Protein backbone atom coordinates (compact mmCIF):
# COMPACT_ATOMS: atom_id res chain seq x y z
CA MET A 1 14.05 15.30 22.73
CA LYS A 2 10.50 16.05 23.61
CA PRO A 3 9.08 18.61 21.19
CA LYS A 4 5.83 20.47 21.58
CA LYS A 5 3.09 20.24 18.98
CA ASN A 6 3.44 23.85 17.89
CA GLN A 7 7.10 23.22 17.25
CA LEU A 8 6.76 20.03 15.35
CA PHE A 9 3.94 21.21 13.18
CA LYS A 10 4.88 24.91 12.89
CA ARG A 11 5.19 24.99 9.06
CA GLN A 12 1.82 23.33 8.63
CA ILE A 13 0.04 25.42 11.24
CA THR A 14 1.41 28.56 9.48
CA LEU A 15 -0.81 27.72 6.52
CA SER A 16 -3.89 29.88 6.96
CA GLU A 17 -6.05 27.12 5.54
CA ILE A 18 -4.78 24.73 8.32
CA GLY A 19 -4.07 26.74 11.39
CA ALA A 20 -4.38 25.50 14.88
CA VAL A 21 -7.98 24.33 14.21
CA GLY A 22 -7.04 22.22 11.19
CA GLN A 23 -4.07 20.80 13.02
CA GLN A 24 -6.30 19.72 15.92
CA LYS A 25 -8.61 18.03 13.36
CA LEU A 26 -5.66 15.99 12.26
CA GLN A 27 -4.74 15.10 15.81
CA ASN A 28 -8.37 13.93 16.44
CA ALA A 29 -8.48 11.80 13.30
CA SER A 30 -7.91 8.03 13.10
CA VAL A 31 -6.79 6.27 9.85
CA LEU A 32 -6.54 2.63 8.84
CA VAL A 33 -3.74 1.94 6.34
CA VAL A 34 -4.17 -1.37 4.59
CA GLY A 35 -0.79 -2.51 3.22
CA CYS A 36 2.60 -1.42 4.28
CA GLY A 37 4.50 -1.78 0.98
CA GLY A 38 5.43 0.83 -1.69
CA LEU A 39 2.21 2.77 -1.26
CA GLY A 40 1.27 2.01 2.37
CA GLY A 41 4.69 2.71 3.80
CA PRO A 42 5.05 6.35 2.67
CA ILE A 43 1.24 6.83 3.30
CA ALA A 44 1.64 5.84 6.93
CA VAL A 45 4.81 7.87 7.53
CA TYR A 46 3.53 11.01 5.95
CA LEU A 47 0.15 10.76 7.73
CA ALA A 48 1.96 10.37 11.06
CA ALA A 49 4.35 13.31 10.23
CA SER A 50 1.27 15.52 9.40
CA GLY A 51 -0.08 14.91 12.86
CA ILE A 52 -2.82 12.29 12.40
CA GLY A 53 -3.55 11.14 15.89
CA LYS A 54 -4.16 7.53 15.51
CA LEU A 55 -2.88 5.09 12.82
CA HIS A 56 -3.35 1.37 12.46
CA LEU A 57 -1.31 -0.61 9.97
CA VAL A 58 -2.41 -3.91 8.40
CA ASP A 59 0.04 -6.15 6.50
CA PHE A 60 0.80 -9.94 6.63
CA ASP A 61 4.09 -9.70 4.71
CA THR A 62 7.80 -9.59 5.57
CA VAL A 63 10.41 -7.26 4.08
CA ASP A 64 12.06 -8.75 0.98
CA ILE A 65 15.32 -7.49 -0.64
CA THR A 66 13.31 -6.72 -3.80
CA ASN A 67 11.10 -4.27 -1.87
CA LEU A 68 13.85 -1.88 -0.92
CA HIS A 69 14.14 0.07 -4.16
CA ARG A 70 10.66 1.59 -3.64
CA GLN A 71 9.74 0.75 -0.03
CA VAL A 72 12.09 3.30 1.28
CA PHE A 73 11.29 3.26 4.93
CA TYR A 74 12.82 -0.28 5.25
CA CYS A 75 16.60 -1.03 5.21
CA LEU A 76 18.79 -4.02 4.61
CA ASP A 77 18.69 -5.07 8.27
CA ASP A 78 14.88 -5.27 8.06
CA VAL A 79 14.81 -8.05 5.46
CA GLY A 80 12.80 -10.95 6.72
CA LYS A 81 11.01 -8.93 9.41
CA PRO A 82 7.24 -8.13 9.52
CA LYS A 83 6.57 -5.02 7.52
CA ALA A 84 3.86 -3.66 9.85
CA GLU A 85 6.02 -4.09 12.92
CA VAL A 86 9.10 -2.41 11.31
CA LEU A 87 7.03 0.49 9.98
CA ARG A 88 5.46 1.11 13.33
CA LYS A 89 8.83 1.28 14.96
CA PHE A 90 10.07 3.83 12.44
CA ILE A 91 6.96 5.92 12.93
CA LYS A 92 7.20 5.91 16.74
CA CYS A 93 10.71 7.39 16.43
CA ARG A 94 9.61 10.52 14.61
CA ALA A 95 5.93 11.04 15.40
CA PRO A 96 5.54 11.36 19.16
CA PHE A 97 1.92 12.61 18.91
CA THR A 98 0.70 9.66 16.90
CA GLU A 99 -0.67 6.51 18.43
CA VAL A 100 0.27 3.73 15.96
CA ASN A 101 -0.63 0.05 16.21
CA TYR A 102 -0.57 -2.84 13.73
CA THR A 103 -2.15 -6.10 12.70
CA ASN A 104 0.40 -8.64 11.35
CA LYS A 105 -2.14 -10.67 9.31
CA ALA A 106 -3.94 -10.37 6.07
CA ILE A 107 -7.21 -8.39 5.87
CA ALA A 108 -9.94 -10.84 4.85
CA LYS A 109 -13.71 -11.11 4.66
CA GLU A 110 -13.81 -12.56 8.22
CA ASN A 111 -12.00 -9.60 9.87
CA VAL A 112 -12.52 -6.62 7.58
CA PHE A 113 -15.46 -5.06 9.33
CA GLU A 114 -13.80 -5.39 12.78
CA LEU A 115 -10.71 -3.60 11.39
CA ILE A 116 -12.40 -0.70 9.58
CA ASP A 117 -15.06 -0.11 12.19
CA LYS A 118 -12.88 1.90 14.58
CA PHE A 119 -11.42 4.39 12.13
CA ASP A 120 -12.56 7.59 10.41
CA ILE A 121 -10.87 6.90 7.09
CA VAL A 122 -9.45 3.80 5.35
CA VAL A 123 -6.57 4.02 2.97
CA ASP A 124 -5.90 1.31 0.35
CA GLY A 125 -2.17 0.67 -0.07
CA THR A 126 -2.35 -2.92 -1.33
CA ASP A 127 -1.36 -4.54 -4.57
CA SER A 128 -3.97 -7.23 -4.59
CA LEU A 129 -7.05 -6.74 -6.60
CA PRO A 130 -9.33 -9.01 -4.52
CA THR A 131 -8.24 -7.09 -1.38
CA LYS A 132 -8.96 -3.82 -3.04
CA TYR A 133 -12.54 -4.93 -3.85
CA LEU A 134 -12.95 -6.34 -0.39
CA VAL A 135 -11.93 -3.16 1.31
CA ASN A 136 -14.03 -1.07 -1.05
CA ASP A 137 -17.11 -3.17 -0.53
CA ALA A 138 -16.72 -3.15 3.25
CA CYS A 139 -16.27 0.56 3.28
CA VAL A 140 -19.43 1.09 1.22
CA LEU A 141 -21.39 -1.16 3.62
CA GLN A 142 -20.04 0.57 6.67
CA ASN A 143 -20.22 4.11 5.22
CA LYS A 144 -16.45 4.58 5.57
CA PRO A 145 -14.43 6.99 3.34
CA LEU A 146 -11.82 5.13 1.28
CA VAL A 147 -8.76 6.73 -0.28
CA TYR A 148 -7.76 4.49 -3.14
CA GLY A 149 -4.40 4.18 -4.91
CA SER A 150 -3.00 1.63 -7.36
CA LEU A 151 -0.15 1.23 -9.77
CA TYR A 152 0.51 -0.43 -13.13
CA LYS A 153 4.06 -0.08 -14.43
CA PHE A 154 4.32 3.67 -15.23
CA ASP A 155 0.74 4.51 -14.43
CA GLY A 156 -0.80 5.49 -11.12
CA TYR A 157 -4.42 5.83 -9.99
CA VAL A 158 -5.93 7.85 -7.09
CA ALA A 159 -9.45 8.51 -5.95
CA ALA A 160 -11.51 9.39 -2.88
CA PHE A 161 -14.30 6.84 -2.72
CA ASN A 162 -17.55 6.59 -0.78
CA ILE A 163 -17.40 10.19 0.62
CA LYS A 164 -20.62 11.53 2.17
CA GLN A 165 -22.09 14.43 0.19
CA ALA A 166 -23.96 17.43 1.30
CA ASP A 167 -27.33 15.82 0.49
CA GLY A 168 -26.54 12.68 2.55
CA SER A 169 -25.71 10.49 -0.38
CA TYR A 170 -22.33 8.87 -1.01
CA SER A 171 -19.88 9.46 -3.88
CA CYS A 172 -18.80 6.77 -6.33
CA ASN A 173 -16.79 3.71 -5.26
CA LEU A 174 -14.20 1.44 -6.88
CA ARG A 175 -16.86 -0.69 -8.63
CA ASP A 176 -18.20 2.40 -10.36
CA ALA A 177 -14.70 2.82 -11.83
CA PHE A 178 -13.94 -0.84 -12.51
CA PRO A 179 -17.16 -2.86 -12.32
CA GLU A 180 -15.43 -6.21 -12.99
CA MET A 181 -12.35 -7.62 -11.29
CA VAL A 182 -10.07 -8.40 -14.10
CA THR A 183 -7.93 -11.58 -14.00
CA ASP A 184 -5.01 -10.74 -16.18
CA ILE A 185 -3.37 -7.70 -14.58
CA PRO A 186 -0.07 -8.65 -12.90
CA ASN A 187 1.04 -7.08 -9.64
CA CYS A 188 4.24 -5.15 -9.26
CA GLU A 189 6.19 -8.34 -8.55
CA GLU A 190 5.30 -9.68 -11.92
CA ALA A 191 5.07 -6.48 -14.01
CA GLY A 192 7.73 -4.41 -12.30
CA THR A 193 7.46 -0.76 -11.25
CA LEU A 194 9.38 2.41 -11.11
CA ASN A 195 9.99 3.83 -7.64
CA ALA A 196 9.14 7.35 -8.62
CA ILE A 197 5.54 6.56 -9.50
CA VAL A 198 5.17 4.80 -6.16
CA GLY A 199 6.14 7.92 -4.30
CA ILE A 200 3.94 10.14 -6.43
CA ILE A 201 0.82 8.14 -5.92
CA SER A 202 1.35 7.46 -2.26
CA THR A 203 1.69 11.18 -1.41
CA ALA A 204 -1.33 11.96 -3.60
CA GLN A 205 -3.23 9.59 -1.38
CA VAL A 206 -1.93 11.34 1.71
CA ASN A 207 -3.11 14.56 0.17
CA GLU A 208 -6.62 13.25 -0.19
CA VAL A 209 -6.65 12.14 3.45
CA LEU A 210 -5.48 15.58 4.67
CA LYS A 211 -8.09 17.35 2.62
CA LEU A 212 -10.87 15.07 3.92
CA VAL A 213 -9.88 15.49 7.51
CA THR A 214 -9.34 19.28 7.51
CA GLY A 215 -12.16 20.06 5.08
CA ILE A 216 -10.01 22.17 2.75
CA GLY A 217 -9.69 21.89 -0.98
CA LYS A 218 -11.62 19.61 -3.36
CA PRO A 219 -11.25 15.84 -2.79
CA LEU A 220 -11.09 13.49 -5.82
CA THR A 221 -14.71 12.41 -5.51
CA ASN A 222 -16.71 10.99 -8.44
CA GLN A 223 -13.54 10.88 -10.51
CA LEU A 224 -10.46 8.88 -10.90
CA LEU A 225 -7.05 10.61 -11.30
CA ILE A 226 -4.78 8.80 -13.69
CA TYR A 227 -1.10 9.88 -13.89
CA ASN A 228 1.59 8.68 -16.25
CA VAL A 229 5.10 9.16 -15.02
CA LEU A 230 6.87 8.89 -18.43
CA GLN A 231 4.92 11.57 -20.13
CA ASN A 232 4.06 13.67 -16.98
CA THR A 233 0.47 13.56 -18.12
CA GLN A 234 -2.61 13.20 -16.05
CA LEU A 235 -6.31 13.02 -16.69
CA LYS A 236 -9.39 12.83 -14.45
CA MET A 237 -11.94 10.32 -15.49
CA LYS A 238 -15.46 11.26 -14.41
CA LEU A 239 -17.39 8.46 -12.63
CA LYS A 240 -21.13 7.77 -12.43
CA SER A 241 -22.68 6.06 -9.51
CA ILE A 242 -23.92 2.65 -10.55
CA PHE A 243 -23.13 0.29 -7.77
CA THR A 244 -25.44 1.12 -4.88
CA LYS A 245 -24.92 0.00 -1.27
CA GLU A 246 -27.75 -2.49 -1.78
CA LYS A 247 -26.11 -3.98 -4.82
CA ILE A 248 -22.80 -4.33 -3.12
CA ALA A 249 -24.41 -5.88 -0.10
CA LYS A 250 -25.66 -8.68 -2.36
CA LEU A 251 -22.26 -9.08 -3.97
CA PHE A 252 -20.53 -9.21 -0.52
CA LYS A 253 -22.64 -12.19 0.50
CA VAL A 254 -21.57 -14.34 -2.46
CA GLN A 255 -18.02 -13.28 -3.18
CA THR A 256 -15.03 -14.93 -1.51
CA TYR A 257 -12.54 -12.16 -2.47
CA VAL A 258 -10.03 -14.85 -3.28
CA ASP A 259 -7.56 -13.89 -5.97
CA ALA A 260 -8.96 -14.75 -9.46
CA ALA A 261 -5.71 -16.52 -10.24
CA CYS A 262 -6.32 -18.86 -7.28
CA ALA A 263 -9.89 -19.53 -8.43
CA LYS A 264 -8.55 -20.91 -11.66
CA GLN A 265 -5.92 -23.12 -10.10
CA ASN A 266 -6.16 -26.90 -10.56
CA LEU A 267 -7.42 -28.33 -7.24
CA ASP A 268 -5.68 -31.63 -7.95
CA TRP A 269 -2.34 -29.84 -7.85
CA GLN A 270 -2.91 -28.26 -4.37
CA ILE A 271 -1.65 -29.33 -0.92
CA SER A 272 -2.98 -27.70 2.19
CA SER A 273 -0.84 -26.52 5.04
CA LYS A 274 -2.37 -29.24 7.29
CA THR A 275 -1.33 -32.01 4.83
CA LEU A 276 2.07 -30.54 4.33
CA LYS A 277 2.72 -30.53 8.05
CA GLU A 278 1.90 -34.22 8.15
CA LYS A 279 4.42 -34.91 5.45
CA LEU A 280 7.35 -32.77 6.68
CA GLY A 281 9.18 -35.77 8.15
CA ASP A 282 8.92 -37.80 4.91
CA LYS A 283 12.31 -38.41 3.42
CA ASN A 284 10.77 -38.55 -0.07
CA LEU A 285 9.34 -35.02 0.28
CA GLU A 286 11.17 -32.16 -1.49
CA ILE A 287 10.13 -28.60 -0.98
CA ILE A 288 11.26 -25.87 -3.46
CA ALA A 289 10.81 -22.21 -2.66
CA VAL A 290 10.31 -20.04 -5.72
CA LEU A 291 10.96 -16.65 -4.16
CA ASN A 292 14.16 -15.55 -2.33
CA ASN A 293 14.36 -14.64 1.37
CA LEU A 294 10.99 -16.18 2.40
CA LYS A 295 10.41 -16.37 6.10
CA LEU A 296 9.69 -20.04 6.25
CA PRO A 297 8.36 -22.23 9.17
CA PHE A 298 10.14 -25.29 7.62
CA LYS A 299 13.25 -26.12 5.73
CA VAL A 300 13.30 -26.17 1.99
CA HIS A 301 15.58 -28.35 -0.14
CA GLN A 302 16.32 -25.67 -2.69
CA THR A 303 15.34 -22.11 -3.76
CA ILE A 304 14.86 -21.32 -7.42
CA HIS A 305 13.38 -17.88 -8.07
CA ILE A 306 10.37 -18.07 -10.34
CA HIS A 307 12.10 -15.79 -12.95
CA ASN A 308 14.82 -18.44 -13.22
CA PHE A 309 12.62 -21.46 -12.86
CA ASP A 310 13.37 -24.06 -15.60
CA ALA A 311 11.79 -27.45 -14.96
CA LYS A 312 14.18 -29.07 -17.43
CA LYS A 313 17.20 -28.17 -15.34
CA ILE A 314 15.79 -29.72 -12.14
CA ASP A 315 17.17 -33.16 -11.28
CA ILE A 316 13.96 -34.94 -10.48
CA ASP A 317 13.27 -38.28 -8.71
CA TYR A 318 9.96 -39.97 -9.49
CA ALA A 319 10.04 -41.56 -6.01
CA LYS A 320 9.72 -38.11 -4.44
CA THR A 321 6.80 -35.80 -3.88
CA TYR A 322 7.60 -32.13 -4.74
CA VAL A 323 5.94 -29.16 -3.19
CA MET A 324 6.34 -25.65 -4.54
CA VAL A 325 6.06 -22.76 -2.06
CA CYS A 326 6.03 -18.94 -2.24
CA GLN A 327 4.43 -16.09 -0.22
CA ARG A 328 0.83 -16.27 -1.42
CA GLY A 329 0.66 -19.42 -3.64
CA PHE A 330 0.67 -17.63 -7.07
CA ASN A 331 4.19 -17.87 -8.26
CA SER A 332 4.50 -21.35 -6.71
CA TYR A 333 1.51 -22.44 -8.81
CA ARG A 334 3.21 -21.14 -11.90
CA ALA A 335 6.21 -23.35 -10.99
CA THR A 336 3.88 -26.25 -10.38
CA GLU A 337 2.40 -25.83 -13.85
CA LYS A 338 5.93 -25.87 -15.35
CA MET A 339 6.84 -28.97 -13.55
CA LYS A 340 3.64 -30.81 -14.50
CA LYS A 341 3.99 -29.79 -18.10
CA GLN A 342 7.57 -31.10 -18.19
CA TYR A 343 6.89 -34.16 -16.08
CA PRO A 344 3.15 -35.08 -16.25
CA ASN A 345 3.49 -38.22 -14.05
CA LEU A 346 5.52 -36.50 -11.33
CA GLU A 347 3.89 -35.86 -8.02
CA VAL A 348 4.06 -32.03 -7.73
CA TYR A 349 1.90 -29.90 -5.52
CA ASN A 350 1.41 -26.12 -4.82
CA LEU A 351 1.10 -25.03 -1.21
CA THR A 352 -2.43 -23.45 -1.19
CA GLY A 353 -2.38 -19.81 -0.24
CA GLY A 354 1.41 -19.87 0.25
CA ILE A 355 3.28 -19.09 3.43
CA SER A 356 0.80 -16.35 4.29
CA SER A 357 -1.92 -18.96 4.80
CA TYR A 358 0.30 -21.56 6.56
CA GLU A 359 -1.06 -22.33 9.99
């Protein structure tokens, strides 16, 4: 079937506030979606369904079985496949007027400007605090609007950051809401999350993008919307501009945007991907994966999920070298800590950066 635009978007065009003019604005718009998980997946699909003309998806990760309860645009057959690639395929089947491409690698300080430069609006759908600050800072430096969203258990947060105002200035950014990157907030893998709040916050982010593109309504500028799904309560926290572009430029020069948990890891317990590659043929090497269904470039000797990881129950051999692996090197470091605490003299290492950084 080859529908016409006025057929596909009829209900939206019928809105007097949108009309044919507003729909064309959506068609002319380009959006970068960073993260294709619980937030990023629905964001990308709804934006494409609304008629956004150009989408680019960024995600390094693969679909895991534990994603499916909230990342509803993936199915069982997608487990192990790259998220960005699968999501693009889904979108192409239902949004014929949207050009959608993807980058199957992590956004980082080295490539962030190249990625955001080509798009009108950037949407943050990640669950990594360092990545959120990286994307925020880059958007401030490049004068790009950023639609922010984040989750913590039953709470969700939404804002439209760095929006150009009538006087030529720019609205508040992430650092005005949270000046310091905290180190003790777990992601959804560690803290858990309810799928309903994921859907609510992702569509709230979509709503902000649509308002910014069409020029209708009042965007969430200079404020942070906080919604609690258990009590059905919400509040808007007013923000004051403190972190100027000049101040963020200085921060950008010195910050690595590496996860704070990584920064505190014991360097003596790390093994690089290069060193691990050199040891892969060693019969005295034992690799343990601490997350299920990892897409691995090498064989592991056993898989013990971090939630069930008990160093006391592992039959160890002091003649062997043990390497713990996971997706990004956080949970595997926790496993390494447990092993070193139980067996101080055992050779145990964490694969630095996890499979995501394995080259």
